[in-house]
Protein backbone atom coordinates (compact mmCIF):
# COMPACT_ATOMS: atom_id res chain seq x y z
CA MET A 1 -81.30 17.13 -6.86
CA ASN A 2 -85.09 16.80 -7.15
CA THR A 3 -86.37 20.20 -5.97
CA PRO A 4 -89.72 19.04 -4.44
CA PHE A 5 -87.97 16.22 -2.58
CA TYR A 6 -85.23 18.55 -1.29
CA ILE A 7 -87.72 21.10 0.04
CA ALA A 8 -89.93 18.36 1.53
CA ARG A 9 -86.94 16.91 3.37
CA ARG A 10 -86.08 20.36 4.77
CA TYR A 11 -89.67 20.77 5.95
CA LEU A 12 -89.56 17.34 7.62
CA PHE A 13 -86.69 18.26 9.94
CA ALA A 14 -87.20 22.04 10.13
CA LYS A 15 -88.73 23.61 13.21
CA LYS A 16 -92.37 24.57 12.75
CA SER A 17 -93.88 27.77 14.08
CA THR A 18 -96.71 25.83 15.68
CA ASN A 19 -95.67 23.00 18.02
CA ALA A 20 -98.94 21.15 17.37
CA ILE A 21 -97.72 20.32 13.85
CA ASN A 22 -94.71 18.47 15.30
CA ILE A 23 -96.94 16.62 17.75
CA ILE A 24 -99.40 15.52 15.06
CA SER A 25 -96.57 14.47 12.74
CA THR A 26 -95.01 12.43 15.55
CA ILE A 27 -98.36 10.80 16.28
CA SER A 28 -98.68 9.91 12.60
CA VAL A 29 -95.22 8.31 12.52
CA VAL A 30 -95.83 6.40 15.76
CA GLY A 31 -99.23 5.20 14.55
CA VAL A 32 -97.81 3.85 11.29
CA PHE A 33 -94.83 2.40 13.17
CA VAL A 34 -97.03 0.49 15.63
CA GLY A 35 -99.43 -0.66 12.89
CA SER A 36 -96.63 -1.89 10.61
CA ALA A 37 -94.78 -3.66 13.42
CA ALA A 38 -97.99 -5.30 14.69
CA LEU A 39 -98.98 -6.40 11.19
CA ILE A 40 -95.63 -8.06 10.38
CA ILE A 41 -95.47 -9.70 13.83
CA ILE A 42 -98.99 -11.14 13.56
CA LEU A 43 -98.41 -12.38 10.01
CA SER A 44 -95.13 -14.01 11.08
CA VAL A 45 -96.85 -15.72 14.03
CA PHE A 46 -99.52 -17.06 11.67
CA ASN A 47 -96.73 -18.36 9.44
CA GLY A 48 -95.23 -20.08 12.48
CA PHE A 49 -98.53 -21.71 13.44
CA GLU A 50 -99.02 -22.77 9.82
CA GLU A 51 -95.61 -24.46 9.76
CA VAL A 52 -96.25 -26.26 13.07
CA VAL A 53 -99.72 -27.47 12.07
CA LEU A 54 -98.67 -28.56 8.59
CA LYS A 55 -95.63 -30.33 10.02
CA MET A 56 -97.92 -32.33 12.29
CA PHE A 57 -100.31 -33.13 9.44
CA ASN A 58 -97.49 -33.95 7.02
CA THR A 59 -96.20 -36.52 9.50
CA ILE A 60 -99.24 -38.69 8.83
CA THR A 61 -100.06 -37.35 5.35
CA PRO A 62 -97.99 -38.75 2.44
CA GLN A 63 -96.62 -36.53 -0.30
CA ILE A 64 -98.68 -38.29 -2.96
CA VAL A 65 -101.76 -40.51 -2.79
CA ILE A 66 -103.11 -42.57 -5.71
CA SER A 67 -106.72 -43.78 -5.47
CA PRO A 68 -109.39 -44.96 -7.93
CA VAL A 69 -111.84 -42.43 -9.37
CA GLN A 70 -114.68 -44.96 -9.27
CA GLY A 71 -115.15 -47.61 -6.63
CA LYS A 72 -113.24 -48.11 -3.39
CA THR A 73 -110.55 -50.59 -4.42
CA PHE A 74 -108.30 -51.44 -7.33
CA GLU A 75 -105.78 -54.09 -8.36
CA PRO A 76 -102.21 -53.01 -7.42
CA ASN A 77 -100.37 -55.82 -9.21
CA THR A 78 -100.40 -54.27 -12.68
CA ALA A 79 -97.49 -53.51 -14.96
CA TYR A 80 -97.64 -49.76 -14.21
CA PHE A 81 -97.71 -50.06 -10.41
CA ASN A 82 -95.02 -52.74 -10.39
CA GLU A 83 -92.82 -50.39 -12.42
CA LEU A 84 -93.69 -47.38 -10.24
CA LYS A 85 -92.71 -49.33 -7.17
CA LYS A 86 -89.15 -49.60 -8.53
CA ASN A 87 -88.79 -45.85 -9.20
CA LYS A 88 -85.54 -44.61 -7.62
CA SER A 89 -87.10 -41.27 -6.65
CA ILE A 90 -89.48 -43.00 -4.21
CA TYR A 91 -88.47 -43.29 -0.56
CA SER A 92 -91.53 -45.25 0.62
CA TYR A 93 -94.28 -46.97 -1.36
CA SER A 94 -97.07 -48.11 0.92
CA GLU A 95 -100.15 -50.06 -0.17
CA VAL A 96 -103.21 -49.18 1.90
CA LEU A 97 -106.49 -51.00 2.50
CA SER A 98 -108.95 -49.06 4.63
CA GLU A 99 -112.58 -49.35 5.66
CA ASN A 100 -114.83 -48.36 8.56
CA ALA A 101 -115.38 -51.00 11.22
CA LEU A 102 -116.80 -51.41 14.70
CA LEU A 103 -114.19 -51.30 17.49
CA ARG A 104 -114.85 -52.78 20.90
CA TYR A 105 -112.81 -52.69 24.10
CA ASN A 106 -114.22 -54.11 27.34
CA ASP A 107 -117.81 -52.90 27.48
CA LYS A 108 -117.35 -49.87 25.18
CA GLN A 109 -117.59 -49.70 21.41
CA SER A 110 -117.10 -47.12 18.67
CA VAL A 111 -116.89 -46.87 14.89
CA GLY A 112 -113.45 -46.09 13.47
CA LEU A 113 -111.43 -46.33 10.29
CA ILE A 114 -109.26 -49.42 9.97
CA LYS A 115 -106.17 -48.59 7.91
CA GLY A 116 -104.06 -51.55 6.84
CA VAL A 117 -100.59 -50.54 5.65
CA SER A 118 -97.64 -52.36 4.11
CA PRO A 119 -94.20 -52.36 5.85
CA ASP A 120 -92.94 -49.32 3.88
CA TYR A 121 -95.35 -47.15 5.87
CA LEU A 122 -93.03 -47.37 8.89
CA LYS A 123 -90.14 -45.82 6.95
CA ASN A 124 -91.58 -42.49 8.09
CA LYS A 125 -89.27 -41.81 11.05
CA SER A 126 -91.30 -38.83 12.24
CA LEU A 127 -94.22 -41.07 13.26
CA ASP A 128 -92.65 -41.23 16.72
CA SER A 129 -93.16 -37.46 17.10
CA ILE A 130 -96.96 -37.88 17.08
CA THR A 131 -96.97 -40.94 19.35
CA ILE A 132 -98.23 -39.88 22.77
CA GLU A 133 -98.44 -43.30 24.41
CA GLY A 134 -96.67 -46.60 23.83
CA LYS A 135 -94.80 -47.23 20.55
CA PHE A 136 -95.69 -46.86 16.89
CA LEU A 137 -95.42 -50.59 16.25
CA ILE A 138 -97.74 -52.64 14.03
CA GLU A 139 -95.82 -55.91 13.75
CA ASN A 140 -93.06 -57.78 15.57
CA GLY A 141 -92.09 -61.32 16.50
CA ASN A 142 -95.13 -61.61 18.74
CA GLY A 143 -97.59 -60.95 15.91
CA ASN A 144 -99.78 -58.09 14.73
CA HIS A 145 -100.36 -54.86 16.65
CA ALA A 146 -102.52 -51.77 16.19
CA VAL A 147 -101.72 -48.10 16.71
CA ILE A 148 -104.87 -46.11 17.40
CA GLY A 149 -105.74 -42.41 17.29
CA SER A 150 -106.27 -40.50 20.52
CA ALA A 151 -110.00 -40.08 19.81
CA ILE A 152 -110.48 -43.86 19.85
CA GLN A 153 -108.29 -44.25 22.92
CA THR A 154 -110.21 -41.56 24.81
CA TYR A 155 -113.63 -43.02 24.00
CA LEU A 156 -112.81 -46.70 24.51
CA MET A 157 -110.33 -46.17 27.37
CA VAL A 158 -107.81 -48.53 25.78
CA ASN A 159 -104.91 -49.64 27.99
CA THR A 160 -101.78 -50.03 25.83
CA THR A 161 -99.86 -51.74 28.66
CA ASP A 162 -102.30 -54.67 28.93
CA PRO A 163 -101.39 -57.24 26.21
CA PHE A 164 -103.97 -59.71 27.54
CA ASN A 165 -106.92 -57.41 26.78
CA PRO A 166 -106.83 -56.81 23.00
CA LEU A 167 -108.98 -54.56 20.85
CA GLN A 168 -111.84 -56.38 19.09
CA ILE A 169 -112.73 -55.33 15.54
CA PHE A 170 -115.99 -56.22 13.80
CA SER A 171 -116.36 -56.00 10.00
CA PRO A 172 -119.36 -57.19 7.92
CA LYS A 173 -118.54 -60.27 5.87
CA LYS A 174 -118.11 -59.43 2.23
CA GLY A 175 -120.95 -60.59 -0.04
CA ASN A 176 -122.98 -61.98 2.86
CA LYS A 177 -126.64 -61.34 1.93
CA THR A 178 -128.36 -63.75 4.33
CA SER A 179 -128.85 -63.10 8.01
CA SER A 180 -128.16 -65.96 10.38
CA VAL A 181 -129.81 -66.60 13.73
CA ASN A 182 -126.68 -65.36 15.46
CA PRO A 183 -125.89 -61.78 14.26
CA ALA A 184 -122.21 -62.33 15.10
CA ASP A 185 -122.02 -64.82 12.24
CA ASP A 186 -122.52 -61.93 9.78
CA PHE A 187 -119.28 -60.30 10.94
CA THR A 188 -115.61 -61.10 10.76
CA ILE A 189 -114.34 -60.62 14.31
CA LEU A 190 -110.62 -60.30 14.97
CA SER A 191 -108.67 -59.25 18.02
CA ILE A 192 -105.43 -57.28 18.03
CA PRO A 193 -103.35 -55.81 20.88
CA VAL A 194 -102.78 -52.05 20.92
CA SER A 195 -99.12 -50.98 21.00
CA GLY A 196 -99.48 -47.21 20.89
CA VAL A 197 -101.61 -44.08 20.57
CA PHE A 198 -100.96 -41.17 18.19
CA GLU A 199 -102.45 -37.69 18.10
CA VAL A 200 -102.62 -35.23 15.21
CA GLN A 201 -106.12 -33.85 14.74
CA GLN A 202 -109.69 -35.04 15.17
CA ASP A 203 -110.09 -36.21 11.56
CA PHE A 204 -106.96 -38.36 11.83
CA ASP A 205 -107.37 -39.46 15.44
CA ASN A 206 -110.34 -41.74 14.67
CA VAL A 207 -108.07 -44.20 12.82
CA ALA A 208 -106.61 -47.56 13.82
CA ILE A 209 -103.45 -48.43 11.85
CA VAL A 210 -102.84 -52.17 11.43
CA PRO A 211 -100.70 -54.42 9.20
CA LEU A 212 -102.00 -54.85 5.65
CA LYS A 213 -102.32 -58.64 5.97
CA PHE A 214 -104.46 -58.21 9.09
CA ALA A 215 -106.73 -55.75 7.25
CA ARG A 216 -107.05 -58.19 4.32
CA GLU A 217 -108.20 -60.95 6.65
CA LEU A 218 -110.60 -58.63 8.48
CA LEU A 219 -112.14 -57.08 5.36
CA GLY A 220 -112.07 -60.22 3.22
CA GLU A 221 -109.99 -58.56 0.50
CA PRO A 222 -107.11 -60.87 -0.56
CA GLN A 223 -105.59 -58.73 -3.35
CA LYS A 224 -107.08 -55.29 -3.94
CA ILE A 225 -106.23 -52.09 -2.08
CA THR A 226 -107.89 -48.67 -1.62
CA SER A 227 -104.86 -46.45 -2.26
CA VAL A 228 -101.10 -46.15 -2.68
CA GLU A 229 -99.23 -43.67 -0.46
CA ILE A 230 -95.89 -42.38 -1.73
CA ASN A 231 -93.16 -40.38 -0.03
CA LEU A 232 -90.25 -39.15 -2.13
CA LYS A 233 -86.54 -38.94 -1.44
CA PRO A 234 -85.10 -35.56 -0.37
CA GLY A 235 -84.60 -33.20 -3.30
CA VAL A 236 -87.25 -34.77 -5.53
CA ASN A 237 -89.89 -32.26 -6.68
CA ALA A 238 -93.28 -33.62 -5.58
CA ASP A 239 -95.25 -31.47 -8.05
CA THR A 240 -93.21 -32.67 -11.03
CA PHE A 241 -93.42 -36.29 -9.87
CA LYS A 242 -97.20 -35.97 -9.44
CA GLU A 243 -97.58 -34.57 -12.96
CA ASP A 244 -95.56 -37.47 -14.40
CA ILE A 245 -97.83 -39.96 -12.66
CA GLU A 246 -100.97 -38.20 -13.90
CA LYS A 247 -99.72 -38.33 -17.49
CA SER A 248 -98.92 -42.03 -17.30
CA ILE A 249 -101.61 -43.51 -15.08
CA GLY A 250 -104.70 -42.46 -17.02
CA LYS A 251 -108.05 -40.98 -16.04
CA SER A 252 -109.23 -43.92 -13.97
CA PHE A 253 -107.03 -42.87 -11.04
CA GLU A 254 -106.88 -39.73 -8.94
CA VAL A 255 -103.48 -38.39 -7.84
CA LYS A 256 -103.41 -35.95 -4.90
CA ASP A 257 -100.61 -33.99 -3.28
CA ARG A 258 -100.65 -32.84 0.36
CA ILE A 259 -102.55 -29.63 -0.39
CA GLN A 260 -105.31 -31.54 -2.20
CA GLN A 261 -105.50 -34.13 0.59
CA ASN A 262 -105.93 -31.42 3.24
CA LYS A 263 -107.71 -28.81 1.13
CA VAL A 264 -109.99 -27.64 3.94
CA LEU A 265 -107.06 -27.18 6.32
CA TYR A 266 -105.06 -25.12 3.82
CA ASN A 267 -108.13 -22.98 3.05
CA ILE A 268 -108.75 -22.33 6.75
CA LEU A 269 -105.13 -21.38 7.44
CA GLY A 270 -105.10 -19.04 4.43
CA SER A 271 -108.47 -17.41 5.15
CA GLU A 272 -107.62 -16.78 8.82
CA LYS A 273 -104.36 -15.08 7.89
CA TRP A 274 -106.07 -12.86 5.30
CA ALA A 275 -108.85 -11.99 7.75
CA VAL A 276 -106.31 -10.78 10.32
CA TYR A 277 -104.43 -8.87 7.62
CA ILE A 278 -107.61 -7.04 6.53
CA ILE A 279 -108.56 -6.14 10.13
CA LEU A 280 -105.11 -4.80 10.98
CA THR A 281 -104.93 -2.97 7.66
CA PHE A 282 -108.07 -0.99 8.56
CA ILE A 283 -106.38 0.04 11.82
CA LEU A 284 -103.27 0.97 9.87
CA ILE A 285 -105.33 3.07 7.44
CA ILE A 286 -106.71 5.11 10.35
CA ALA A 287 -103.15 5.78 11.52
CA ILE A 288 -102.02 6.71 8.00
CA PHE A 289 -104.86 9.17 7.47
CA ASN A 290 -103.69 11.14 10.51
CA ILE A 291 -101.22 12.55 8.03
CA ILE A 292 -104.03 14.60 6.47
CA GLY A 293 -104.32 16.69 9.62
CA SER A 294 -100.56 17.07 9.89
CA LEU A 295 -100.12 18.20 6.26
CA THR A 296 -103.12 20.49 6.41
CA MET A 297 -101.57 22.38 9.31
CA LEU A 298 -98.17 22.35 7.60
CA VAL A 299 -99.65 23.94 4.47
CA ILE A 300 -101.21 26.67 6.59
CA ASP A 301 -97.91 27.14 8.42
CA LYS A 302 -95.97 27.45 5.14
CA LEU A 303 -98.29 29.89 3.35
CA LYS A 304 -95.52 32.48 3.11
CA ASP A 305 -93.15 29.91 1.59
CA ILE A 306 -95.83 28.89 -0.91
CA ALA A 307 -96.32 32.55 -1.88
CA VAL A 308 -92.55 33.02 -2.36
CA LEU A 309 -92.22 29.86 -4.45
CA SER A 310 -95.22 30.84 -6.52
CA SER A 311 -93.78 34.33 -7.17
CA LEU A 312 -90.49 32.75 -8.24
CA GLY A 313 -92.31 30.81 -10.92
CA ALA A 314 -92.97 27.52 -9.16
CA GLY A 315 -96.00 25.86 -10.67
CA LYS A 316 -98.89 24.25 -8.86
CA LYS A 317 -97.58 20.80 -9.74
CA LEU A 318 -94.21 21.43 -8.07
CA ILE A 319 -95.75 22.80 -4.87
CA LYS A 320 -98.22 19.92 -4.77
CA ARG A 321 -95.37 17.42 -5.07
CA ILE A 322 -93.54 19.05 -2.14
CA PHE A 323 -96.34 18.23 0.27
CA LEU A 324 -96.94 14.85 -1.36
CA PHE A 325 -93.31 13.91 -0.68
CA GLU A 326 -93.61 15.34 2.84
CA GLY A 327 -96.55 13.06 3.66
CA MET A 328 -94.90 10.04 2.06
CA MET A 329 -91.68 10.57 4.06
CA ILE A 330 -93.58 10.85 7.34
CA THR A 331 -95.58 7.64 6.84
CA MET A 332 -92.83 5.61 5.17
CA THR A 333 -90.43 6.47 8.01
CA GLY A 334 -92.91 4.90 10.43
CA CYS A 335 -93.39 1.93 8.11
CA ILE A 336 -89.69 1.13 7.68
CA VAL A 337 -88.93 1.52 11.38
CA GLY A 338 -91.97 -0.65 12.18
CA LEU A 339 -90.82 -3.40 9.82
CA VAL A 340 -87.31 -3.36 11.30
CA VAL A 341 -88.58 -3.48 14.90
CA GLY A 342 -91.10 -6.19 14.01
CA PHE A 343 -88.35 -8.24 12.36
CA LEU A 344 -86.05 -7.87 15.37
CA PHE A 345 -88.84 -8.82 17.78
CA CYS A 346 -89.63 -11.94 15.75
CA LEU A 347 -85.95 -12.90 15.71
CA LEU A 348 -85.83 -12.62 19.52
CA GLN A 349 -89.03 -14.67 19.78
CA GLN A 350 -87.54 -17.37 17.55
CA LYS A 351 -84.32 -17.54 19.56
CA PHE A 352 -85.48 -17.00 23.15
CA GLY A 353 -89.26 -17.69 23.08
CA LEU A 354 -90.09 -14.45 24.90
CA ILE A 355 -93.86 -15.00 24.86
CA LYS A 356 -94.97 -18.40 26.11
CA MET A 357 -98.15 -20.26 25.29
CA SER A 358 -100.54 -21.69 27.87
CA GLN A 359 -99.69 -25.15 29.17
CA ASP A 360 -102.98 -26.66 27.95
CA ASN A 361 -102.47 -25.76 24.27
CA LEU A 362 -102.57 -28.57 21.73
CA VAL A 363 -99.63 -27.35 19.66
CA ILE A 364 -96.31 -29.08 20.26
CA THR A 365 -94.41 -25.97 21.32
CA ASN A 366 -94.04 -23.95 24.53
CA ALA A 367 -93.67 -20.54 22.88
CA TYR A 368 -95.50 -18.80 20.06
CA PRO A 369 -93.91 -20.02 16.81
CA VAL A 370 -92.63 -17.46 14.29
CA ALA A 371 -91.69 -17.86 10.64
CA PHE A 372 -90.63 -15.23 8.09
CA LYS A 373 -91.89 -14.81 4.55
CA TRP A 374 -90.43 -12.02 2.43
CA LYS A 375 -93.82 -11.67 0.72
CA ASP A 376 -95.32 -10.48 4.03
CA PHE A 377 -92.76 -7.69 4.35
CA LEU A 378 -93.39 -6.66 0.76
CA LEU A 379 -97.16 -6.80 1.33
CA VAL A 380 -97.00 -4.54 4.41
CA PHE A 381 -94.65 -2.09 2.64
CA LEU A 382 -96.91 -1.87 -0.43
CA THR A 383 -100.03 -1.52 1.73
CA VAL A 384 -98.57 1.42 3.63
CA SER A 385 -97.19 2.93 0.41
CA VAL A 386 -100.54 2.87 -1.38
CA PHE A 387 -102.61 4.36 1.43
CA SER A 388 -99.84 6.80 2.30
CA PHE A 389 -99.86 8.05 -1.29
CA VAL A 390 -103.66 8.45 -1.24
CA ALA A 391 -103.64 10.36 2.06
CA SER A 392 -100.71 12.57 1.01
CA ALA A 393 -102.27 13.28 -2.38
CA LEU A 394 -105.50 14.40 -0.72
CA SER A 395 -103.59 16.71 1.61
CA SER A 396 -101.33 18.13 -1.10
CA ASN A 397 -104.41 19.28 -3.02
CA LEU A 398 -104.92 21.81 -0.22
CA SER A 399 -101.66 23.53 -1.19
CA VAL A 400 -103.00 24.08 -4.71
CA LYS A 401 -106.19 25.61 -3.31
CA LYS A 402 -104.09 27.93 -1.16
CA ILE A 403 -102.17 29.07 -4.26
CA ASN A 404 -105.47 29.91 -5.94
CA HIS A 405 -106.55 31.94 -2.93
CA LEU A 406 -103.22 33.76 -2.84
CA ASN A 407 -103.51 34.61 -6.55
CA GLN A 408 -107.02 35.93 -6.03
CA ASP A 409 -105.86 38.09 -3.14
CA LEU A 410 -103.09 39.50 -5.30
């Protein structure tokens, strides 16, 4: 058996001559335990929020978007796109034509994004989960319909139950360079009833989704589109599919996955999580460095043992390792227990929703969401291990100094 580890383990459970050493050691273990548990719980809650938010965004965000590098529109009826449309890995292939326009309802008006989509867009069954009023319906036997974002609905006070009061949309006529006496003649004005309202986030909620043929008539664009939105069948790797498209489509088109489409959102979620990790790590470091006081007193308490070991031929390195192992065992005990308790608490939160959220929160859940990532557990364990080693190494140096003093006295 490893001699330093064996002696350190005996010291860990042996009764000390001074009760204060036991108290300080207990405080050190409890501090690391609380810090580790809090860190893994907070990181797991952030993972839960990230999953909820991304799930909401992914409902309206396609897996892959193809758009032109230059200009706003492009011709979709080419050999490549016609072939891509037939790809068996694709679940939905939606052609999109979008442009800003003026929206008017009763005596109120606002600028919003008109997004014309082809029928494949409605293959996304989770669209109903973001619909907060009416139905997500853009076309039926009665004609065209619009589904608007909550920001537009709030500002214009649109009534989705009134089919006789449609939404008016104004778009400048394409290529019209002369101004007529009547300013309305410079605009294409179409009316469309509103069937539903959806809500995701402010950037998405200023959008009115309409049928593609309606958008073509409004924007005066009979053939071209602004983008192609693709969702893949289950089991198809989106990254690999994206790379295949990039290799085949050429440099005149830009292909984006969900992360690239919502780059700011992913950066915010990541930076917030790392900020919390850094803050809690500083608190954890303070708890870990309590071990210096505990080991310092233990070294003083075990001076006679150090003298005996030294006289038996134990070197400075062996004695130093004893107290290094002692400090590591104290802190790592707190860390492991903290991780286990944090894991159990998160499991209970997942199953029973012990801690509820306020009723006016915007997240579609009534309890704080929790999600596990094994990397977080490894990160917390390594963090405690590194700082525990540093603190224990600093304290173990005191034992070497004590050996020097003992030798001088002899």
